[in-house]
Amino acid sequence: MKIEDFMLPCPSKKFLGIECFGCGTQRAIVLVFEGKFSEAFHMFPAVYTLLLFFGFVALNFIDKKRNYSQVLIFLAIINSLIMVISYFYKHF
């Protein structure tokens, strides 16, 4: 068995035939862990900011002494912008 056997299908793409803003996220994360960094970026350009965001979310739960809300908000905005821009670049 491979990790690809356990990936969730995108409901938007499956039922409507339209890719969502997050299509390719799972495959891009797998490509990052396989060391295929440029392929991961081409699959989903926001993969690195998304991983950084999740890293800071985990750090926020672990390190209670510091406040990471400013960093998390900044990363969420950057990640959202990259997702929207790459979506429109891919489809138009």
N, C-alpha and C. Protein backbone atom coordinates (compact mmCIF):
# COMPACT_ATOMS: atom_id res chain seq x y z
N MET A 1 0.83 -1.18 0.00
CA MET A 1 0.00 0.00 0.00
C MET A 1 0.87 1.24 0.00
N LYS A 2 0.36 2.25 -0.64
CA LYS A 2 1.06 3.53 -0.69
C LYS A 2 0.21 4.58 0.01
N ILE A 3 0.84 5.69 0.34
CA ILE A 3 0.13 6.79 1.02
C ILE A 3 -0.98 7.35 0.13
N GLU A 4 -0.80 7.28 -1.17
CA GLU A 4 -1.80 7.81 -2.10
C GLU A 4 -3.13 7.06 -2.00
N ASP A 5 -3.09 5.81 -1.49
CA ASP A 5 -4.32 5.03 -1.34
C ASP A 5 -5.22 5.59 -0.25
N PHE A 6 -4.66 6.39 0.65
CA PHE A 6 -5.41 6.91 1.78
C PHE A 6 -5.79 8.39 1.63
N MET A 7 -5.51 9.00 0.49
CA MET A 7 -5.82 10.42 0.29
C MET A 7 -7.32 10.61 0.07
N LEU A 8 -7.83 11.68 0.63
CA LEU A 8 -9.24 12.01 0.49
C LEU A 8 -9.49 12.70 -0.85
N PRO A 9 -10.56 12.35 -1.55
CA PRO A 9 -10.87 13.05 -2.80
C PRO A 9 -11.48 14.41 -2.51
N CYS A 10 -11.28 15.33 -3.41
CA CYS A 10 -11.87 16.66 -3.26
C CYS A 10 -13.35 16.59 -3.62
N PRO A 11 -14.25 16.92 -2.67
CA PRO A 11 -15.69 16.86 -2.97
C PRO A 11 -16.10 17.82 -4.08
N SER A 12 -15.48 18.98 -4.13
CA SER A 12 -15.82 19.96 -5.16
C SER A 12 -15.47 19.43 -6.55
N LYS A 13 -14.30 18.84 -6.67
CA LYS A 13 -13.88 18.32 -7.96
C LYS A 13 -14.66 17.06 -8.32
N LYS A 14 -14.98 16.25 -7.32
CA LYS A 14 -15.68 14.99 -7.57
C LYS A 14 -17.13 15.22 -7.99
N PHE A 15 -17.82 16.10 -7.29
CA PHE A 15 -19.25 16.28 -7.57
C PHE A 15 -19.56 17.40 -8.56
N LEU A 16 -18.75 18.46 -8.56
CA LEU A 16 -19.02 19.59 -9.43
C LEU A 16 -18.08 19.67 -10.63
N GLY A 17 -16.96 18.96 -10.56
CA GLY A 17 -15.98 19.00 -11.64
C GLY A 17 -15.12 20.26 -11.62
N ILE A 18 -15.16 21.00 -10.52
CA ILE A 18 -14.40 22.25 -10.39
C ILE A 18 -13.39 22.09 -9.27
N GLU A 19 -12.15 22.42 -9.54
CA GLU A 19 -11.13 22.37 -8.49
C GLU A 19 -11.36 23.48 -7.48
N CYS A 20 -11.10 23.18 -6.22
CA CYS A 20 -11.23 24.20 -5.17
C CYS A 20 -9.87 24.87 -4.96
N PHE A 21 -9.82 25.81 -4.03
CA PHE A 21 -8.58 26.52 -3.76
C PHE A 21 -7.53 25.62 -3.13
N GLY A 22 -7.94 24.53 -2.52
CA GLY A 22 -7.00 23.65 -1.84
C GLY A 22 -6.67 22.38 -2.59
N CYS A 23 -7.15 22.24 -3.81
CA CYS A 23 -6.88 21.03 -4.58
C CYS A 23 -5.37 20.87 -4.79
N GLY A 24 -4.90 19.70 -4.51
CA GLY A 24 -3.48 19.39 -4.66
C GLY A 24 -2.69 19.50 -3.37
N THR A 25 -3.33 19.89 -2.28
CA THR A 25 -2.63 20.07 -1.02
C THR A 25 -2.04 18.76 -0.51
N GLN A 26 -2.84 17.71 -0.48
CA GLN A 26 -2.37 16.43 0.04
C GLN A 26 -1.22 15.89 -0.79
N ARG A 27 -1.37 15.93 -2.10
CA ARG A 27 -0.32 15.40 -2.97
C ARG A 27 0.95 16.25 -2.87
N ALA A 28 0.80 17.56 -2.70
CA ALA A 28 1.96 18.42 -2.57
C ALA A 28 2.71 18.15 -1.26
N ILE A 29 1.98 17.91 -0.18
CA ILE A 29 2.64 17.60 1.10
C ILE A 29 3.39 16.27 1.00
N VAL A 30 2.81 15.30 0.33
CA VAL A 30 3.50 14.02 0.12
C VAL A 30 4.75 14.23 -0.70
N LEU A 31 4.68 15.07 -1.73
CA LEU A 31 5.86 15.35 -2.56
C LEU A 31 6.95 16.05 -1.76
N VAL A 32 6.57 16.93 -0.84
CA VAL A 32 7.57 17.58 0.01
C VAL A 32 8.29 16.55 0.87
N PHE A 33 7.54 15.64 1.46
CA PHE A 33 8.15 14.62 2.31
C PHE A 33 8.97 13.61 1.51
N GLU A 34 8.69 13.48 0.22
CA GLU A 34 9.50 12.63 -0.65
C GLU A 34 10.73 13.36 -1.16
N GLY A 35 10.83 14.66 -0.91
CA GLY A 35 11.98 15.43 -1.34
C GLY A 35 11.85 16.03 -2.72
N LYS A 36 10.67 16.00 -3.29
CA LYS A 36 10.42 16.56 -4.63
C LYS A 36 9.84 17.96 -4.46
N PHE A 37 10.72 18.90 -4.12
CA PHE A 37 10.29 20.23 -3.71
C PHE A 37 9.71 21.06 -4.85
N SER A 38 10.32 21.02 -6.02
CA SER A 38 9.80 21.82 -7.12
C SER A 38 8.48 21.26 -7.64
N GLU A 39 8.35 19.93 -7.65
CA GLU A 39 7.09 19.33 -8.06
C GLU A 39 5.97 19.67 -7.09
N ALA A 40 6.30 19.73 -5.80
CA ALA A 40 5.31 20.10 -4.79
C ALA A 40 4.85 21.54 -5.00
N PHE A 41 5.79 22.42 -5.31
CA PHE A 41 5.43 23.81 -5.55
C PHE A 41 4.54 23.95 -6.78
N HIS A 42 4.84 23.20 -7.83
CA HIS A 42 4.01 23.26 -9.04
C HIS A 42 2.63 22.65 -8.80
N MET A 43 2.55 21.67 -7.93
CA MET A 43 1.27 21.04 -7.62
C MET A 43 0.37 22.00 -6.82
N PHE A 44 0.97 22.64 -5.79
CA PHE A 44 0.23 23.54 -4.91
C PHE A 44 1.20 24.59 -4.37
N PRO A 45 1.23 25.78 -4.95
CA PRO A 45 2.23 26.79 -4.58
C PRO A 45 2.21 27.23 -3.13
N ALA A 46 1.12 27.07 -2.44
CA ALA A 46 1.05 27.51 -1.04
C ALA A 46 1.48 26.42 -0.07
N VAL A 47 2.09 25.35 -0.55
CA VAL A 47 2.42 24.23 0.32
C VAL A 47 3.43 24.62 1.41
N TYR A 48 4.39 25.45 1.08
CA TYR A 48 5.43 25.80 2.06
C TYR A 48 4.90 26.76 3.12
N THR A 49 4.09 27.71 2.73
CA THR A 49 3.50 28.60 3.73
C THR A 49 2.48 27.85 4.57
N LEU A 50 1.82 26.87 3.99
CA LEU A 50 0.87 26.06 4.74
C LEU A 50 1.59 25.21 5.79
N LEU A 51 2.70 24.60 5.42
CA LEU A 51 3.48 23.81 6.38
C LEU A 51 4.05 24.70 7.48
N LEU A 52 4.49 25.89 7.10
CA LEU A 52 4.98 26.84 8.10
C LEU A 52 3.87 27.27 9.04
N PHE A 53 2.68 27.50 8.49
CA PHE A 53 1.52 27.85 9.31
C PHE A 53 1.19 26.74 10.30
N PHE A 54 1.15 25.49 9.82
CA PHE A 54 0.85 24.37 10.72
C PHE A 54 1.95 24.19 11.76
N GLY A 55 3.18 24.49 11.40
CA GLY A 55 4.26 24.43 12.37
C GLY A 55 4.07 25.44 13.49
N PHE A 56 3.67 26.65 13.14
CA PHE A 56 3.42 27.67 14.16
C PHE A 56 2.17 27.38 14.98
N VAL A 57 1.17 26.73 14.37
CA VAL A 57 -0.01 26.32 15.14
C VAL A 57 0.40 25.29 16.19
N ALA A 58 1.24 24.33 15.80
CA ALA A 58 1.72 23.34 16.75
C ALA A 58 2.56 24.00 17.83
N LEU A 59 3.41 24.95 17.44
CA LEU A 59 4.24 25.66 18.40
C LEU A 59 3.39 26.48 19.36
N ASN A 60 2.28 27.01 18.86
CA ASN A 60 1.37 27.77 19.71
C ASN A 60 0.76 26.89 20.80
N PHE A 61 0.48 25.64 20.49
CA PHE A 61 -0.06 24.72 21.50
C PHE A 61 1.01 24.25 22.47
N ILE A 62 2.24 24.11 21.98
CA ILE A 62 3.32 23.59 22.84
C ILE A 62 3.88 24.68 23.74
N ASP A 63 4.18 25.84 23.17
CA ASP A 63 4.81 26.93 23.92
C ASP A 63 3.73 27.92 24.36
N LYS A 64 3.24 27.77 25.56
CA LYS A 64 2.16 28.62 26.07
C LYS A 64 2.67 29.98 26.57
N LYS A 65 3.98 30.13 26.73
CA LYS A 65 4.52 31.38 27.27
C LYS A 65 4.51 32.51 26.26
N ARG A 66 4.60 32.17 24.99
CA ARG A 66 4.66 33.19 23.94
C ARG A 66 3.33 33.27 23.20
N ASN A 67 3.09 34.42 22.62
CA ASN A 67 1.87 34.64 21.85
C ASN A 67 2.23 34.66 20.36
N TYR A 68 1.72 33.70 19.63
CA TYR A 68 2.02 33.57 18.20
C TYR A 68 0.88 34.06 17.32
N SER A 69 -0.07 34.78 17.89
CA SER A 69 -1.25 35.17 17.12
C SER A 69 -0.90 36.09 15.95
N GLN A 70 0.02 37.02 16.14
CA GLN A 70 0.41 37.93 15.05
C GLN A 70 1.03 37.16 13.89
N VAL A 71 1.91 36.22 14.22
CA VAL A 71 2.56 35.41 13.18
C VAL A 71 1.54 34.54 12.46
N LEU A 72 0.62 33.95 13.21
CA LEU A 72 -0.40 33.10 12.61
C LEU A 72 -1.33 33.88 11.69
N ILE A 73 -1.70 35.07 12.10
CA ILE A 73 -2.56 35.90 11.24
C ILE A 73 -1.82 36.29 9.96
N PHE A 74 -0.55 36.68 10.09
CA PHE A 74 0.25 37.04 8.93
C PHE A 74 0.39 35.85 7.97
N LEU A 75 0.71 34.68 8.50
CA LEU A 75 0.86 33.50 7.66
C LEU A 75 -0.47 33.08 7.02
N ALA A 76 -1.57 33.23 7.74
CA ALA A 76 -2.88 32.91 7.18
C ALA A 76 -3.22 33.83 6.01
N ILE A 77 -2.90 35.11 6.15
CA ILE A 77 -3.17 36.06 5.07
C ILE A 77 -2.29 35.76 3.85
N ILE A 78 -1.01 35.53 4.09
CA ILE A 78 -0.08 35.22 2.99
C ILE A 78 -0.51 33.93 2.29
N ASN A 79 -0.85 32.93 3.09
CA ASN A 79 -1.26 31.65 2.52
C ASN A 79 -2.54 31.81 1.69
N SER A 80 -3.50 32.56 2.18
CA SER A 80 -4.74 32.79 1.45
C SER A 80 -4.49 33.52 0.14
N LEU A 81 -3.63 34.53 0.19
CA LEU A 81 -3.31 35.27 -1.04
C LEU A 81 -2.64 34.36 -2.07
N ILE A 82 -1.70 33.54 -1.64
CA ILE A 82 -1.03 32.64 -2.57
C ILE A 82 -2.02 31.65 -3.16
N MET A 83 -2.94 31.15 -2.35
CA MET A 83 -3.94 30.20 -2.85
C MET A 83 -4.85 30.83 -3.89
N VAL A 84 -5.32 32.03 -3.61
CA VAL A 84 -6.23 32.71 -4.55
C VAL A 84 -5.51 33.06 -5.84
N ILE A 85 -4.32 33.61 -5.75
CA ILE A 85 -3.56 33.99 -6.94
C ILE A 85 -3.23 32.76 -7.78
N SER A 86 -2.78 31.68 -7.14
CA SER A 86 -2.43 30.48 -7.91
C SER A 86 -3.66 29.83 -8.52
N TYR A 87 -4.80 29.91 -7.84
CA TYR A 87 -6.03 29.36 -8.39
C TYR A 87 -6.41 30.08 -9.68
N PHE A 88 -6.41 31.41 -9.64
CA PHE A 88 -6.77 32.17 -10.83
C PHE A 88 -5.72 32.07 -11.92
N TYR A 89 -4.46 31.94 -11.54
CA TYR A 89 -3.40 31.77 -12.53
C TYR A 89 -3.55 30.41 -13.24
N LYS A 90 -3.94 29.40 -12.49
CA LYS A 90 -4.07 28.06 -13.06
C LYS A 90 -5.28 27.95 -13.98
N HIS A 91 -6.35 28.68 -13.66
CA HIS A 91 -7.59 28.50 -14.42
C HIS A 91 -7.89 29.58 -15.45
N PHE A 92 -7.18 30.69 -15.40
CA PHE A 92 -7.49 31.74 -16.37
C PHE A 92 -6.29 32.18 -17.12
